[in-house]
Amino acid sequence: MEIYQKTYKKELSKSKRFTAPKSINALAENTENVISIGNQTGEGWLLTGEMIELIEDGVNNIICMQPFGCLTKSHNWKRTD
């Protein structure tokens, strides 16, 4: 996955407005405390990892507008305030 994101991350790292995403391994490490990375149903652990990354970057509100996004959200993210 990192190979496919190489150019994308390089250009985002130059941006003043956007930040490059963390590596897939870093997302997995951050997610292990919340959900097993062996969870492969729905969006599995990746959506949860992306949400954790956003929270760590100071995002206060997250709206998930993906198809079938209810699977992981309904089981992992109960808090809405």
N, C-alpha and C. Protein backbone atom coordinates (compact mmCIF):
# COMPACT_ATOMS: atom_id res chain seq x y z
N MET A 1 0.82 -1.18 0.00
CA MET A 1 0.00 0.00 0.00
C MET A 1 0.87 1.26 0.00
N GLU A 2 1.98 1.19 0.70
CA GLU A 2 2.88 2.35 0.77
C GLU A 2 3.41 2.74 -0.60
N ILE A 3 3.65 1.77 -1.44
CA ILE A 3 4.16 2.05 -2.79
C ILE A 3 3.15 2.89 -3.58
N TYR A 4 1.87 2.56 -3.42
CA TYR A 4 0.83 3.28 -4.16
C TYR A 4 0.62 4.70 -3.63
N GLN A 5 0.96 4.92 -2.38
CA GLN A 5 0.76 6.24 -1.78
C GLN A 5 2.00 7.13 -1.80
N LYS A 6 3.09 6.65 -2.33
CA LYS A 6 4.35 7.38 -2.28
C LYS A 6 4.24 8.79 -2.87
N THR A 7 3.76 8.92 -4.09
CA THR A 7 3.63 10.23 -4.73
C THR A 7 2.61 11.10 -4.01
N TYR A 8 1.52 10.49 -3.65
CA TYR A 8 0.44 11.18 -2.93
C TYR A 8 0.97 11.79 -1.62
N LYS A 9 1.68 10.99 -0.82
CA LYS A 9 2.23 11.48 0.44
C LYS A 9 3.29 12.55 0.23
N LYS A 10 4.11 12.38 -0.79
CA LYS A 10 5.16 13.35 -1.09
C LYS A 10 4.56 14.72 -1.37
N GLU A 11 3.51 14.75 -2.18
CA GLU A 11 2.88 16.03 -2.51
C GLU A 11 2.13 16.62 -1.32
N LEU A 12 1.47 15.79 -0.54
CA LEU A 12 0.77 16.29 0.64
C LEU A 12 1.73 16.85 1.68
N SER A 13 2.92 16.29 1.77
CA SER A 13 3.90 16.79 2.74
C SER A 13 4.36 18.21 2.41
N LYS A 14 4.18 18.64 1.16
CA LYS A 14 4.53 20.00 0.76
C LYS A 14 3.41 21.00 1.05
N SER A 15 2.23 20.50 1.33
CA SER A 15 1.05 21.34 1.50
C SER A 15 1.06 22.09 2.83
N LYS A 16 0.55 23.29 2.81
CA LYS A 16 0.37 24.07 4.04
C LYS A 16 -1.00 23.79 4.66
N ARG A 17 -1.87 23.20 3.87
CA ARG A 17 -3.25 22.99 4.31
C ARG A 17 -3.55 21.55 4.71
N PHE A 18 -2.90 20.58 4.09
CA PHE A 18 -3.18 19.17 4.33
C PHE A 18 -1.94 18.45 4.84
N THR A 19 -2.16 17.35 5.52
CA THR A 19 -1.04 16.53 5.99
C THR A 19 -1.11 15.16 5.34
N ALA A 20 0.04 14.57 5.18
CA ALA A 20 0.10 13.22 4.61
C ALA A 20 -0.37 12.21 5.66
N PRO A 21 -1.06 11.16 5.24
CA PRO A 21 -1.51 10.15 6.19
C PRO A 21 -0.33 9.35 6.74
N LYS A 22 -0.54 8.77 7.91
CA LYS A 22 0.48 7.91 8.51
C LYS A 22 0.58 6.62 7.70
N SER A 23 1.63 5.88 7.93
CA SER A 23 1.81 4.61 7.24
C SER A 23 0.76 3.61 7.74
N ILE A 24 0.51 2.60 6.94
CA ILE A 24 -0.45 1.57 7.31
C ILE A 24 -0.03 0.87 8.60
N ASN A 25 1.28 0.72 8.79
CA ASN A 25 1.78 0.08 10.01
C ASN A 25 1.52 0.95 11.24
N ALA A 26 1.68 2.26 11.11
CA ALA A 26 1.41 3.17 12.22
C ALA A 26 -0.08 3.17 12.56
N LEU A 27 -0.93 3.14 11.54
CA LEU A 27 -2.38 3.06 11.78
C LEU A 27 -2.72 1.78 12.53
N ALA A 28 -2.12 0.67 12.11
CA ALA A 28 -2.39 -0.61 12.77
C ALA A 28 -1.96 -0.58 14.23
N GLU A 29 -0.79 -0.02 14.51
CA GLU A 29 -0.30 0.07 15.89
C GLU A 29 -1.24 0.90 16.76
N ASN A 30 -1.71 2.03 16.24
CA ASN A 30 -2.62 2.89 17.01
C ASN A 30 -3.97 2.23 17.24
N THR A 31 -4.38 1.39 16.32
CA THR A 31 -5.71 0.78 16.38
C THR A 31 -5.75 -0.42 17.31
N GLU A 32 -4.62 -1.07 17.52
CA GLU A 32 -4.59 -2.30 18.32
C GLU A 32 -5.17 -2.12 19.72
N ASN A 33 -5.10 -0.91 20.27
CA ASN A 33 -5.64 -0.68 21.61
C ASN A 33 -7.16 -0.58 21.63
N VAL A 34 -7.78 -0.41 20.46
CA VAL A 34 -9.22 -0.22 20.38
C VAL A 34 -9.92 -1.45 19.81
N ILE A 35 -9.36 -2.00 18.75
CA ILE A 35 -9.97 -3.14 18.06
C ILE A 35 -8.86 -4.03 17.52
N SER A 36 -9.13 -5.31 17.47
CA SER A 36 -8.14 -6.24 16.94
C SER A 36 -7.90 -5.96 15.47
N ILE A 37 -6.63 -5.92 15.06
CA ILE A 37 -6.35 -5.70 13.64
C ILE A 37 -6.65 -6.96 12.83
N GLY A 38 -7.03 -8.03 13.52
CA GLY A 38 -7.51 -9.23 12.84
C GLY A 38 -8.95 -9.09 12.40
N ASN A 39 -9.62 -8.02 12.83
CA ASN A 39 -11.01 -7.76 12.46
C ASN A 39 -11.05 -7.35 10.99
N GLN A 40 -11.59 -8.19 10.16
CA GLN A 40 -11.61 -7.93 8.72
C GLN A 40 -13.01 -7.75 8.17
N THR A 41 -14.04 -7.66 9.04
CA THR A 41 -15.40 -7.48 8.56
C THR A 41 -15.69 -6.01 8.34
N GLY A 42 -16.61 -5.70 7.45
CA GLY A 42 -16.92 -4.30 7.17
C GLY A 42 -15.66 -3.60 6.71
N GLU A 43 -15.37 -2.46 7.29
CA GLU A 43 -14.14 -1.74 6.97
C GLU A 43 -12.99 -2.27 7.81
N GLY A 44 -13.27 -3.26 8.67
CA GLY A 44 -12.24 -3.82 9.53
C GLY A 44 -11.67 -2.77 10.46
N TRP A 45 -10.39 -2.80 10.65
CA TRP A 45 -9.75 -1.88 11.59
C TRP A 45 -9.28 -0.59 10.92
N LEU A 46 -9.24 -0.53 9.61
CA LEU A 46 -8.67 0.62 8.91
C LEU A 46 -9.47 1.90 9.16
N LEU A 47 -10.79 1.83 9.09
CA LEU A 47 -11.62 3.01 9.34
C LEU A 47 -11.40 3.51 10.76
N THR A 48 -11.33 2.60 11.71
CA THR A 48 -11.07 2.97 13.09
C THR A 48 -9.71 3.64 13.21
N GLY A 49 -8.70 3.10 12.54
CA GLY A 49 -7.36 3.69 12.55
C GLY A 49 -7.34 5.09 11.96
N GLU A 50 -8.09 5.29 10.89
CA GLU A 50 -8.15 6.61 10.27
C GLU A 50 -8.84 7.61 11.21
N MET A 51 -9.86 7.16 11.93
CA MET A 51 -10.53 8.04 12.89
C MET A 51 -9.60 8.41 14.04
N ILE A 52 -8.85 7.45 14.53
CA ILE A 52 -7.88 7.73 15.60
C ILE A 52 -6.85 8.74 15.11
N GLU A 53 -6.38 8.58 13.89
CA GLU A 53 -5.41 9.52 13.33
C GLU A 53 -5.98 10.94 13.29
N LEU A 54 -7.22 11.08 12.86
CA LEU A 54 -7.86 12.39 12.81
C LEU A 54 -7.99 13.00 14.21
N ILE A 55 -8.38 12.19 15.18
CA ILE A 55 -8.51 12.67 16.56
C ILE A 55 -7.16 13.14 17.09
N GLU A 56 -6.11 12.36 16.83
CA GLU A 56 -4.76 12.74 17.27
C GLU A 56 -4.29 14.04 16.60
N ASP A 57 -4.78 14.31 15.41
CA ASP A 57 -4.42 15.53 14.69
C ASP A 57 -5.29 16.72 15.09
N GLY A 58 -6.19 16.51 16.06
CA GLY A 58 -6.98 17.61 16.59
C GLY A 58 -8.35 17.81 15.97
N VAL A 59 -8.80 16.87 15.18
CA VAL A 59 -10.13 16.98 14.59
C VAL A 59 -11.17 16.69 15.67
N ASN A 60 -12.13 17.59 15.82
CA ASN A 60 -13.15 17.44 16.87
C ASN A 60 -14.39 16.71 16.40
N ASN A 61 -14.71 16.78 15.14
CA ASN A 61 -15.91 16.15 14.60
C ASN A 61 -15.57 15.33 13.36
N ILE A 62 -16.07 14.11 13.32
CA ILE A 62 -15.82 13.22 12.18
C ILE A 62 -17.17 12.75 11.65
N ILE A 63 -17.36 12.88 10.36
CA ILE A 63 -18.56 12.35 9.71
C ILE A 63 -18.10 11.26 8.76
N CYS A 64 -18.58 10.07 8.95
CA CYS A 64 -18.23 8.95 8.07
C CYS A 64 -19.35 8.79 7.05
N MET A 65 -19.03 9.02 5.79
CA MET A 65 -20.05 8.96 4.74
C MET A 65 -19.70 7.91 3.70
N GLN A 66 -19.21 6.77 4.16
CA GLN A 66 -18.86 5.69 3.26
C GLN A 66 -20.04 4.73 3.13
N PRO A 67 -20.17 4.04 2.01
CA PRO A 67 -21.17 2.98 1.93
C PRO A 67 -20.82 1.89 2.94
N PHE A 68 -21.80 1.34 3.58
CA PHE A 68 -21.63 0.27 4.55
C PHE A 68 -20.81 0.71 5.76
N GLY A 69 -20.72 2.00 6.01
CA GLY A 69 -19.95 2.51 7.13
C GLY A 69 -20.54 2.17 8.48
N CYS A 70 -21.75 1.66 8.51
CA CYS A 70 -22.40 1.41 9.79
C CYS A 70 -21.78 0.23 10.52
N LEU A 71 -21.16 -0.71 9.84
CA LEU A 71 -20.66 -1.91 10.51
C LEU A 71 -19.64 -1.60 11.59
N THR A 72 -18.59 -0.93 11.24
CA THR A 72 -17.54 -0.65 12.21
C THR A 72 -17.97 0.43 13.18
N LYS A 73 -18.61 1.48 12.69
CA LYS A 73 -18.99 2.58 13.55
C LYS A 73 -19.93 2.13 14.66
N SER A 74 -20.91 1.30 14.33
CA SER A 74 -21.89 0.92 15.33
C SER A 74 -21.29 0.06 16.42
N HIS A 75 -20.20 -0.61 16.14
CA HIS A 75 -19.60 -1.48 17.15
C HIS A 75 -18.45 -0.82 17.91
N ASN A 76 -17.82 0.20 17.34
CA ASN A 76 -16.62 0.75 17.95
C ASN A 76 -16.78 2.18 18.43
N TRP A 77 -17.67 2.93 17.86
CA TRP A 77 -17.75 4.35 18.18
C TRP A 77 -19.16 4.70 18.67
N LYS A 78 -19.40 4.48 19.95
CA LYS A 78 -20.71 4.76 20.54
C LYS A 78 -20.85 6.22 20.93
N ARG A 79 -19.78 6.85 21.31
CA ARG A 79 -19.83 8.21 21.80
C ARG A 79 -20.05 9.20 20.65
N THR A 80 -21.00 10.09 20.81
CA THR A 80 -21.31 11.02 19.74
C THR A 80 -21.13 12.47 20.15
N ASP A 81 -20.72 12.75 21.38
CA ASP A 81 -20.58 14.15 21.79
C ASP A 81 -19.18 14.66 21.60
